PDB file of N, CA and C in Angstrom:
ATOM      1  N   MET A   1       0.778  -1.318   0.050  1.00  0.00           N
ATOM      2  CA  MET A   1       0.319  -0.032   0.021  1.00  0.00           C
ATOM      3  C   MET A   1       0.852   1.245   0.111  1.00  0.00           C
ATOM      4  N   SER A   2       0.404   2.459  -0.772  1.00  0.00           N
ATOM      5  CA  SER A   2       1.708   3.507  -1.088  1.00  0.00           C
ATOM      6  C   SER A   2       1.036   4.756  -0.507  1.00  0.00           C
ATOM      7  N   ARG A   3       1.889   5.606   0.044  1.00  0.00           N
ATOM      8  CA  ARG A   3       0.922   6.491   0.841  1.00  0.00           C
ATOM      9  C   ARG A   3       0.660   7.867  -0.925  1.00  0.00           C
ATOM     10  N   SER A   4      -0.461   7.980   0.104  1.00  0.00           N
ATOM     11  CA  SER A   4      -0.667   9.530  -1.280  1.00  0.00           C
ATOM     12  C   SER A   4       0.399  10.723  -0.922  1.00  0.00           C
ATOM     13  N   PRO A   5       0.812  11.428  -2.149  1.00  0.00           N
ATOM     14  CA  PRO A   5       2.175  12.166  -1.422  1.00  0.00           C
ATOM     15  C   PRO A   5       1.699  13.645  -0.701  1.00  0.00           C
ATOM     16  N   SER A   6       0.096  13.923  -0.673  1.00  0.00           N
ATOM     17  CA  SER A   6      -0.599  14.937   0.277  1.00  0.00           C
ATOM     18  C   SER A   6      -0.709  14.151   1.641  1.00  0.00           C
ATOM     19  N   MET A   7       0.002  13.078   2.073  1.00  0.00           N
ATOM     20  CA  MET A   7      -0.217  12.692   3.384  1.00  0.00           C
ATOM     21  C   MET A   7       1.349  12.551   3.991  1.00  0.00           C
ATOM     22  N   SER A   8       2.063  12.907   3.076  1.00  0.00           N
ATOM     23  CA  SER A   8       3.340  12.369   3.756  1.00  0.00           C
ATOM     24  C   SER A   8       3.422  13.723   4.443  1.00  0.00           C
ATOM     25  N   ARG A   9       4.573  13.782   5.326  1.00  0.00           N
ATOM     26  CA  ARG A   9       4.847  14.716   6.500  1.00  0.00           C
ATOM     27  C   ARG A   9       6.083  15.522   6.012  1.00  0.00           C
ATOM     28  N   SER A  10       6.269  16.446   6.018  1.00  0.00           N
ATOM     29  CA  SER A  10       7.513  17.235   5.851  1.00  0.00           C
ATOM     30  C   SER A  10       8.456  17.091   6.699  1.00  0.00           C
ATOM     31  N   PRO A  11       9.629  16.999   6.680  1.00  0.00           N
ATOM     32  CA  PRO A  11      10.700  16.916   7.391  1.00  0.00           C
ATOM     33  C   PRO A  11      10.667  18.318   8.539  1.00  0.00           C
ATOM     34  N   SER A  12      11.286  18.049   9.353  1.00  0.00           N
ATOM     35  CA  SER A  12      11.112  18.985  10.282  1.00  0.00           C
ATOM     36  C   SER A  12      12.435  20.399  10.079  1.00  0.00           C
ATOM     37  N   PRO A  13      12.432  21.649  10.306  1.00  0.00           N
ATOM     38  CA  PRO A  13      13.714  22.246  10.109  1.00  0.00           C
ATOM     39  C   PRO A  13      14.376  22.564  11.077  1.00  0.00           C
ATOM     40  N   VAL A  14      15.056  21.678  11.127  1.00  0.00           N
ATOM     41  CA  VAL A  14      16.262  21.721  12.268  1.00  0.00           C
ATOM     42  C   VAL A  14      17.353  21.719  11.687  1.00  0.00           C
ATOM     43  N   PHE A  15      18.420  22.705  11.880  1.00  0.00           N
ATOM     44  CA  PHE A  15      19.292  23.204  11.834  1.00  0.00           C
ATOM     45  C   PHE A  15      20.423  23.600  12.771  1.00  0.00           C
ATOM     46  N   GLY A  16      21.356  22.635  12.989  1.00  0.00           N
ATOM     47  CA  GLY A  16      22.707  22.831  14.257  1.00  0.00           C
ATOM     48  C   GLY A  16      21.786  22.128  15.248  1.00  0.00           C
ATOM     49  N   GLY A  17      20.535  21.239  15.708  1.00  0.00           N
ATOM     50  CA  GLY A  17      20.325  20.684  16.568  1.00  0.00           C
ATOM     51  C   GLY A  17      19.099  21.547  17.108  1.00  0.00           C
ATOM     52  N   LYS A  18      18.836  22.583  16.315  1.00  0.00           N
ATOM     53  CA  LYS A  18      18.117  23.669  16.962  1.00  0.00           C
ATOM     54  C   LYS A  18      16.756  23.378  15.794  1.00  0.00           C
ATOM     55  N   LEU A  19      15.567  23.819  16.883  1.00  0.00           N
ATOM     56  CA  LEU A  19      14.028  24.140  15.909  1.00  0.00           C
ATOM     57  C   LEU A  19      14.104  25.263  15.160  1.00  0.00           C
ATOM     58  N   GLN A  20      14.140  25.731  13.906  1.00  0.00           N
ATOM     59  CA  GLN A  20      13.890  26.736  13.751  1.00  0.00           C
ATOM     60  C   GLN A  20      12.420  27.470  13.422  1.00  0.00           C
ATOM     61  N   PRO A  21      12.621  28.603  13.569  1.00  0.00           N
ATOM     62  CA  PRO A  21      11.119  29.253  13.315  1.00  0.00           C
ATOM     63  C   PRO A  21      10.188  29.180  12.154  1.00  0.00           C
ATOM     64  N   LEU A  22       8.832  28.947  11.905  1.00  0.00           N
ATOM     65  CA  LEU A  22       8.251  28.817  11.062  1.00  0.00           C
ATOM     66  C   LEU A  22       8.053  30.086  10.071  1.00  0.00           C
ATOM     67  N   GLN A  23       8.438  30.157   8.871  1.00  0.00           N
ATOM     68  CA  GLN A  23       8.819  30.911   8.125  1.00  0.00           C
ATOM     69  C   GLN A  23       7.384  31.891   8.229  1.00  0.00           C
ATOM     70  N   GLY A  24       6.212  31.290   8.495  1.00  0.00           N
ATOM     71  CA  GLY A  24       5.192  32.104   8.607  1.00  0.00           C
ATOM     72  C   GLY A  24       4.381  32.769   9.853  1.00  0.00           C
ATOM     73  N   SER A  25       5.353  32.243  10.940  1.00  0.00           N
ATOM     74  CA  SER A  25       4.910  32.723  12.317  1.00  0.00           C
ATOM     75  C   SER A  25       5.522  34.070  12.517  1.00  0.00           C
ATOM     76  N   ALA A  26       4.242  34.852  13.271  1.00  0.00           N
ATOM     77  CA  ALA A  26       4.764  35.925  13.490  1.00  0.00           C
ATOM     78  C   ALA A  26       5.278  36.063  14.486  1.00  0.00           C
ATOM     79  N   ILE A  27       5.652  35.238  15.794  1.00  0.00           N
ATOM     80  CA  ILE A  27       6.489  35.337  16.903  1.00  0.00           C
ATOM     81  C   ILE A  27       7.811  34.856  16.303  1.00  0.00           C
ATOM     82  N   SER A  28       8.660  35.469  16.143  1.00  0.00           N
ATOM     83  CA  SER A  28      10.053  35.230  15.628  1.00  0.00           C
ATOM     84  C   SER A  28      11.241  34.281  16.884  1.00  0.00           C
ATOM     85  N   ASP A  29      10.654  34.884  17.656  1.00  0.00           N
ATOM     86  CA  ASP A  29      11.415  34.728  19.245  1.00  0.00           C
ATOM     87  C   ASP A  29      10.937  34.241  20.370  1.00  0.00           C
ATOM     88  N   LEU A  30      10.391  33.084  20.826  1.00  0.00           N
ATOM     89  CA  LEU A  30       9.214  32.595  21.982  1.00  0.00           C
ATOM     90  C   LEU A  30       9.910  33.162  23.322  1.00  0.00           C
ATOM     91  N   SER A  31      11.260  33.162  23.609  1.00  0.00           N
ATOM     92  CA  SER A  31      11.508  33.398  24.791  1.00  0.00           C
ATOM     93  C   SER A  31      11.500  34.867  25.182  1.00  0.00           C
ATOM     94  N   GLY A  32      11.893  35.806  23.991  1.00  0.00           N
ATOM     95  CA  GLY A  32      11.451  36.981  24.142  1.00  0.00           C
ATOM     96  C   GLY A  32      10.362  37.489  24.285  1.00  0.00           C
ATOM     97  N   PHE A  33       8.911  36.849  23.471  1.00  0.00           N
ATOM     98  CA  PHE A  33       8.065  36.593  23.990  1.00  0.00           C
ATOM     99  C   PHE A  33       7.393  36.608  25.156  1.00  0.00           C
ATOM    100  N   LEU A  34       7.752  35.125  25.593  1.00  0.00           N
ATOM    101  CA  LEU A  34       7.348  34.944  27.046  1.00  0.00           C
ATOM    102  C   LEU A  34       7.972  35.558  27.879  1.00  0.00           C
ATOM    103  N   ALA A  35       9.185  36.551  27.943  1.00  0.00           N
ATOM    104  CA  ALA A  35       9.616  37.279  28.634  1.00  0.00           C
ATOM    105  C   ALA A  35       9.244  38.458  28.750  1.00  0.00           C
ATOM    106  N   ALA A  36       8.256  39.152  27.700  1.00  0.00           N
ATOM    107  CA  ALA A  36       7.502  40.446  27.539  1.00  0.00           C
ATOM    108  C   ALA A  36       6.037  40.128  28.088  1.00  0.00           C
ATOM    109  N   GLU A  37       5.700  38.735  28.196  1.00  0.00           N
ATOM    110  CA  GLU A  37       4.418  38.308  28.554  1.00  0.00           C
ATOM    111  C   GLU A  37       4.421  38.457  30.206  1.00  0.00           C
ATOM    112  N   SER A  38       5.346  37.530  30.790  1.00  0.00           N
ATOM    113  CA  SER A  38       5.727  37.644  31.868  1.00  0.00           C
ATOM    114  C   SER A  38       6.165  39.243  32.583  1.00  0.00           C
ATOM    115  N   ALA A  39       7.018  39.954  31.980  1.00  0.00           N
ATOM    116  CA  ALA A  39       6.841  41.555  32.434  1.00  0.00           C
ATOM    117  C   ALA A  39       5.516  42.266  32.647  1.00  0.00           C
ATOM    118  N   ASN A  40       4.826  41.657  31.345  1.00  0.00           N
ATOM    119  CA  ASN A  40       3.436  42.643  31.373  1.00  0.00           C
ATOM    120  C   ASN A  40       2.563  42.300  32.842  1.00  0.00           C
ATOM    121  N   SER A  41       2.390  40.634  32.575  1.00  0.00           N
ATOM    122  CA  SER A  41       2.232  40.434  33.955  1.00  0.00           C
ATOM    123  C   SER A  41       2.232  40.916  35.222  1.00  0.00           C
ATOM    124  N   LYS A  42       3.431  40.860  35.424  1.00  0.00           N
ATOM    125  CA  LYS A  42       3.931  41.567  36.503  1.00  0.00           C
ATOM    126  C   LYS A  42       3.481  43.056  36.736  1.00  0.00           C
ATOM    127  N   ALA A  43       3.747  43.847  35.844  1.00  0.00           N
ATOM    128  CA  ALA A  43       3.323  45.094  35.667  1.00  0.00           C
ATOM    129  C   ALA A  43       1.691  45.281  35.650  1.00  0.00           C
ATOM    130  N   ASP A  44       1.053  44.545  35.595  1.00  0.00           N
ATOM    131  CA  ASP A  44      -0.225  44.375  35.735  1.00  0.00           C
ATOM    132  C   ASP A  44      -1.129  43.738  36.774  1.00  0.00           C
ATOM    133  N   GLU A  45       0.180  43.344  37.859  1.00  0.00           N
ATOM    134  CA  GLU A  45      -0.048  42.646  38.960  1.00  0.00           C
ATOM    135  C   GLU A  45       0.314  43.907  40.323  1.00  0.00           C
ATOM    136  N   LYS A  46       0.944  44.616  39.321  1.00  0.00           N
ATOM    137  CA  LYS A  46       1.814  45.538  40.445  1.00  0.00           C
ATOM    138  C   LYS A  46       0.653  46.805  40.596  1.00  0.00           C
ATOM    139  N   LYS A  47       0.187  47.189  39.476  1.00  0.00           N
ATOM    140  CA  LYS A  47      -1.181  48.302  39.091  1.00  0.00           C
ATOM    141  C   LYS A  47      -2.197  47.911  40.039  1.00  0.00           C
ATOM    142  N   LEU A  48      -2.712  46.483  40.209  1.00  0.00           N
ATOM    143  CA  LEU A  48      -3.852  46.194  40.934  1.00  0.00           C
ATOM    144  C   LEU A  48      -3.224  46.319  42.421  1.00  0.00           C
ATOM    145  N   LYS A  49      -2.323  46.071  42.688  1.00  0.00           N
ATOM    146  CA  LYS A  49      -2.189  46.097  44.271  1.00  0.00           C
ATOM    147  C   LYS A  49      -1.867  47.615  44.644  1.00  0.00           C
ATOM    148  N   LYS A  50      -1.565  48.003  43.685  1.00  0.00           N
ATOM    149  CA  LYS A  50      -1.116  49.986  44.088  1.00  0.00           C
ATOM    150  C   LYS A  50      -2.463  50.483  44.439  1.00  0.00           C
ATOM    151  N   ALA A  51      -3.579  49.905  43.445  1.00  0.00           N
ATOM    152  CA  ALA A  51      -5.096  50.620  43.192  1.00  0.00           C
ATOM    153  C   ALA A  51      -5.760  50.027  44.409  1.00  0.00           C
ATOM    154  N   GLN A  52      -5.379  48.503  44.833  1.00  0.00           N
ATOM    155  CA  GLN A  52      -5.832  48.326  46.283  1.00  0.00           C
ATOM    156  C   GLN A  52      -5.609  49.002  47.450  1.00  0.00           C
ATOM    157  N   TRP A  53      -4.019  49.183  47.397  1.00  0.00           N
ATOM    158  CA  TRP A  53      -3.645  49.998  48.306  1.00  0.00           C
ATOM    159  C   TRP A  53      -4.129  51.340  48.561  1.00  0.00           C
ATOM    160  N   ARG A  54      -4.223  52.416  47.160  1.00  0.00           N
ATOM    161  CA  ARG A  54      -4.477  53.359  47.372  1.00  0.00           C
ATOM    162  C   ARG A  54      -6.186  53.365  47.651  1.00  0.00           C
ATOM    163  N   SER A  55      -7.234  52.196  47.618  1.00  0.00           N
ATOM    164  CA  SER A  55      -8.300  52.127  47.650  1.00  0.00           C
ATOM    165  C   SER A  55      -8.189  52.083  49.039  1.00  0.00           C
ATOM    166  N   ARG A  56      -7.696  51.003  50.092  1.00  0.00           N
ATOM    167  CA  ARG A  56      -7.795  50.973  51.574  1.00  0.00           C
ATOM    168  C   ARG A  56      -7.426  52.303  52.109  1.00  0.00           C
ATOM    169  N   GLN A  57      -6.446  53.532  51.703  1.00  0.00           N
ATOM    170  CA  GLN A  57      -5.778  54.456  52.148  1.00  0.00           C
ATOM    171  C   GLN A  57      -7.187  55.600  51.866  1.00  0.00           C
ATOM    172  N   GLY A  58      -7.952  55.147  51.011  1.00  0.00           N
ATOM    173  CA  GLY A  58      -9.198  56.191  50.938  1.00  0.00           C
ATOM    174  C   GLY A  58      -9.131  57.094  49.689  1.00  0.00           C
ATOM    175  N   LEU A  59      -7.948  57.174  48.978  1.00  0.00           N
ATOM    176  CA  LEU A  59      -7.608  57.707  47.905  1.00  0.00           C
ATOM    177  C   LEU A  59      -8.436  57.347  46.551  1.00  0.00           C
ATOM    178  N   GLY A  60      -8.286  58.256  45.927  1.00  0.00           N
ATOM    179  CA  GLY A  60      -9.340  58.118  44.304  1.00  0.00           C
ATOM    180  C   GLY A  60      -8.678  56.951  43.497  1.00  0.00           C
ATOM    181  N   VAL A  61      -9.447  56.373  42.820  1.00  0.00           N
ATOM    182  CA  VAL A  61      -8.988  55.633  42.072  1.00  0.00           C
ATOM    183  C   VAL A  61      -8.362  55.768  40.793  1.00  0.00           C
ATOM    184  N   GLN A  62      -7.634  55.203  40.240  1.00  0.00           N
ATOM    185  CA  GLN A  62      -6.673  55.500  39.074  1.00  0.00           C
ATOM    186  C   GLN A  62      -7.130  55.717  38.003  1.00  0.00           C
ATOM    187  N   GLU A  63      -6.759  56.154  37.205  1.00  0.00           N
ATOM    188  CA  GLU A  63      -7.568  55.823  35.702  1.00  0.00           C
ATOM    189  C   GLU A  63      -6.487  54.839  35.240  1.00  0.00           C
ATOM    190  N   GLY A  64      -7.860  54.318  34.774  1.00  0.00           N
ATOM    191  CA  GLY A  64      -7.511  52.984  33.834  1.00  0.00           C
ATOM    192  C   GLY A  64      -7.626  51.363  34.591  1.00  0.00           C
ATOM    193  N   VAL A  65      -8.053  51.534  36.124  1.00  0.00           N
ATOM    194  CA  VAL A  65      -8.179  50.684  36.877  1.00  0.00           C
ATOM    195  C   VAL A  65     -10.130  50.599  37.251  1.00  0.00           C
ATOM    196  N   ASP A  66     -10.180  49.090  36.870  1.00  0.00           N
ATOM    197  CA  ASP A  66     -11.643  49.103  37.088  1.00  0.00           C
ATOM    198  C   ASP A  66     -11.760  48.394  38.445  1.00  0.00           C
ATOM    199  N   PRO A  67     -12.666  49.206  38.912  1.00  0.00           N
ATOM    200  CA  PRO A  67     -12.989  49.414  39.905  1.00  0.00           C
ATOM    201  C   PRO A  67     -13.676  48.175  40.910  1.00  0.00           C
ATOM    202  N   GLU A  68     -13.959  47.397  40.081  1.00  0.00           N
ATOM    203  CA  GLU A  68     -14.520  45.760  40.374  1.00  0.00           C
ATOM    204  C   GLU A  68     -13.661  44.774  40.961  1.00  0.00           C
ATOM    205  N   SER A  69     -12.852  45.517  40.213  1.00  0.00           N
ATOM    206  CA  SER A  69     -11.191  44.459  40.709  1.00  0.00           C
ATOM    207  C   SER A  69     -10.561  45.095  41.885  1.00  0.00           C
ATOM    208  N   LEU A  70     -11.262  46.032  42.565  1.00  0.00           N
ATOM    209  CA  LEU A  70     -10.932  46.077  43.620  1.00  0.00           C
ATOM    210  C   LEU A  70     -11.753  45.562  44.972  1.00  0.00           C
ATOM    211  N   LYS A  71     -12.460  45.113  44.657  1.00  0.00           N
ATOM    212  CA  LYS A  71     -13.715  44.637  45.907  1.00  0.00           C
ATOM    213  C   LYS A  71     -13.096  43.063  45.857  1.00  0.00           C
ATOM    214  N   ARG A  72     -12.956  42.738  47.440  1.00  0.00           N
ATOM    215  CA  ARG A  72     -12.719  41.946  48.080  1.00  0.00           C
ATOM    216  C   ARG A  72     -13.665  40.714  48.165  1.00  0.00           C
ATOM    217  N   GLU A  73     -13.236  39.711  47.862  1.00  0.00           N
ATOM    218  CA  GLU A  73     -14.445  38.501  48.146  1.00  0.00           C
ATOM    219  C   GLU A  73     -14.155  37.947  49.057  1.00  0.00           C
ATOM    220  N   MET A  74     -15.168  37.535  50.144  1.00  0.00           N
ATOM    221  CA  MET A  74     -15.243  36.795  50.883  1.00  0.00           C
ATOM    222  C   MET A  74     -15.675  35.740  51.484  1.00  0.00           C
ATOM    223  N   ASN A  75     -15.215  34.359  51.612  1.00  0.00           N
ATOM    224  CA  ASN A  75     -16.085  33.333  51.516  1.00  0.00           C
ATOM    225  C   ASN A  75     -17.157  33.752  52.670  1.00  0.00           C
ATOM    226  N   ASP A  76     -17.855  32.218  52.845  1.00  0.00           N
ATOM    227  CA  ASP A  76     -18.901  32.053  54.129  1.00  0.00           C
ATOM    228  C   ASP A  76     -17.985  32.105  55.221  1.00  0.00           C
ATOM    229  N   LYS A  77     -16.979  31.500  55.777  1.00  0.00           N
ATOM    230  CA  LYS A  77     -16.324  31.449  56.755  1.00  0.00           C
ATOM    231  C   LYS A  77     -16.416  32.948  57.235  1.00  0.00           C
ATOM    232  N   GLN A  78     -16.025  33.600  56.361  1.00  0.00           N
ATOM    233  CA  GLN A  78     -15.063  35.074  57.237  1.00  0.00           C
ATOM    234  C   GLN A  78     -16.528  35.922  56.802  1.00  0.00           C
ATOM    235  N   LYS A  79     -17.711  35.612  56.234  1.00  0.00           N
ATOM    236  CA  LYS A  79     -19.138  36.406  56.153  1.00  0.00           C
ATOM    237  C   LYS A  79     -19.287  36.159  57.943  1.00  0.00           C
ATOM    238  N   SER A  80     -19.598  34.519  57.753  1.00  0.00           N
ATOM    239  CA  SER A  80     -20.144  34.324  59.569  1.00  0.00           C
ATOM    240  C   SER A  80     -19.618  34.805  60.480  1.00  0.00           C
ATOM    241  N   ASN A  81     -18.042  35.365  60.312  1.00  0.00           N
ATOM    242  CA  ASN A  81     -17.086  35.763  61.496  1.00  0.00           C
ATOM    243  C   ASN A  81     -17.136  37.361  61.686  1.00  0.00           C
ATOM    244  N   ARG A  82     -17.518  37.858  60.493  1.00  0.00           N
ATOM    245  CA  ARG A  82     -17.802  39.565  60.321  1.00  0.00           C
ATOM    246  C   ARG A  82     -19.089  39.558  60.981  1.00  0.00           C
ATOM    247  N   GLU A  83     -19.980  38.838  60.779  1.00  0.00           N
ATOM    248  CA  GLU A  83     -21.576  38.792  61.367  1.00  0.00           C
ATOM    249  C   GLU A  83     -21.383  38.626  62.856  1.00  0.00           C
ATOM    250  N   TYR A  84     -20.621  38.088  63.440  1.00  0.00           N
ATOM    251  CA  TYR A  84     -20.418  37.296  65.038  1.00  0.00           C
ATOM    252  C   TYR A  84     -19.867  38.672  65.619  1.00  0.00           C
ATOM    253  N   ILE A  85     -19.125  39.047  65.286  1.00  0.00           N
ATOM    254  CA  ILE A  85     -18.304  40.091  65.792  1.00  0.00           C
ATOM    255  C   ILE A  85     -19.150  41.479  65.809  1.00  0.00           C
ATOM    256  N   LEU A  86     -19.591  41.580  64.443  1.00  0.00           N
ATOM    257  CA  LEU A  86     -20.886  42.722  64.632  1.00  0.00           C
ATOM    258  C   LEU A  86     -21.589  42.435  65.946  1.00  0.00           C
ATOM    259  N   LEU A  87     -22.449  41.308  65.736  1.00  0.00           N
ATOM    260  CA  LEU A  87     -23.858  40.981  66.860  1.00  0.00           C
ATOM    261  C   LEU A  87     -22.848  41.041  68.302  1.00  0.00           C
ATOM    262  N   MET A  88     -21.521  40.844  68.512  1.00  0.00           N
ATOM    263  CA  MET A  88     -20.923  40.575  69.946  1.00  0.00           C
ATOM    264  C   MET A  88     -21.164  41.858  70.227  1.00  0.00           C
ATOM    265  N   ASN A  89     -20.430  43.111  69.168  1.00  0.00           N
ATOM    266  CA  ASN A  89     -20.160  44.610  69.654  1.00  0.00           C
ATOM    267  C   ASN A  89     -21.402  45.263  70.416  1.00  0.00           C
ATOM    268  N   LYS A  90     -22.627  44.831  68.800  1.00  0.00           N
ATOM    269  CA  LYS A  90     -23.680  45.340  69.710  1.00  0.00           C
ATOM    270  C   LYS A  90     -24.455  44.820  71.304  1.00  0.00           C
ATOM    271  N   LEU A  91     -23.891  43.569  71.118  1.00  0.00           N
ATOM    272  CA  LEU A  91     -24.829  43.107  72.809  1.00  0.00           C
ATOM    273  C   LEU A  91     -23.836  43.960  74.279  1.00  0.00           C
ATOM    274  N   LYS A  92     -22.379  44.062  73.530  1.00  0.00           N
ATOM    275  CA  LYS A  92     -21.788  44.673  74.718  1.00  0.00           C
ATOM    276  C   LYS A  92     -21.992  46.071  74.510  1.00  0.00           C
ATOM    277  N   LYS A  93     -22.189  46.635  73.605  1.00  0.00           N
ATOM    278  CA  LYS A  93     -22.720  48.331  73.517  1.00  0.00           C
ATOM    279  C   LYS A  93     -24.056  48.293  74.297  1.00  0.00           C
ATOM    280  N   ASP A  94     -24.932  47.569  73.961  1.00  0.00           N
ATOM    281  CA  ASP A  94     -26.191  47.085  74.812  1.00  0.00           C
ATOM    282  C   ASP A  94     -26.026  47.375  76.128  1.00  0.00           C
ATOM    283  N   GLU A  95     -25.437  46.421  76.773  1.00  0.00           N
ATOM    284  CA  GLU A  95     -24.455  46.269  78.323  1.00  0.00           C
ATOM    285  C   GLU A  95     -24.648  47.005  78.735  1.00  0.00           C
ATOM    286  N   ALA A  96     -23.282  47.941  78.114  1.00  0.00           N
ATOM    287  CA  ALA A  96     -22.930  49.298  78.198  1.00  0.00           C
ATOM    288  C   ALA A  96     -23.999  50.224  78.741  1.00  0.00           C
ATOM    289  N   ALA A  97     -25.138  50.685  77.806  1.00  0.00           N
ATOM    290  CA  ALA A  97     -26.194  51.237  77.722  1.00  0.00           C
ATOM    291  C   ALA A  97     -27.184  50.940  79.086  1.00  0.00           C
ATOM    292  N   GLU A  98     -26.846  49.696  79.389  1.00  0.00           N
ATOM    293  CA  GLU A  98     -28.334  49.159  80.175  1.00  0.00           C
ATOM    294  C   GLU A  98     -27.438  49.848  81.688  1.00  0.00           C
ATOM    295  N   GLY A  99     -25.972  49.216  81.753  1.00  0.00           N
ATOM    296  CA  GLY A  99     -25.447  49.631  83.266  1.00  0.00           C
ATOM    297  C   GLY A  99     -25.345  51.062  83.843  1.00  0.00           C
ATOM    298  N   LYS A 100     -25.352  52.064  82.828  1.00  0.00           N
ATOM    299  CA  LYS A 100     -25.449  53.521  83.009  1.00  0.00           C
ATOM    300  C   LYS A 100     -27.176  53.785  83.497  1.00  0.00           C
TER     301      LYS A 100
END
């Protein structure tokens, strides 16, 4: 059984033991692309942390920062703990008001 020419694989472009980028590829240097991507993600994370800090300090929101990204998500345990603390503070306040 012979293979049709359209089903045959072309040899990999290997020169000197290294794979060469494809001629039609828009990214010529993958390591450079990954380094730039890493730098961009670190810069975005730094901007978010700065915006969160500004928010905690009561300062205005910076330009280009999504206010929704600054909100902290609480899980169920944190929510119940917050409710417990608020309830206990209210009870202490009520006891202090009765004692006067």
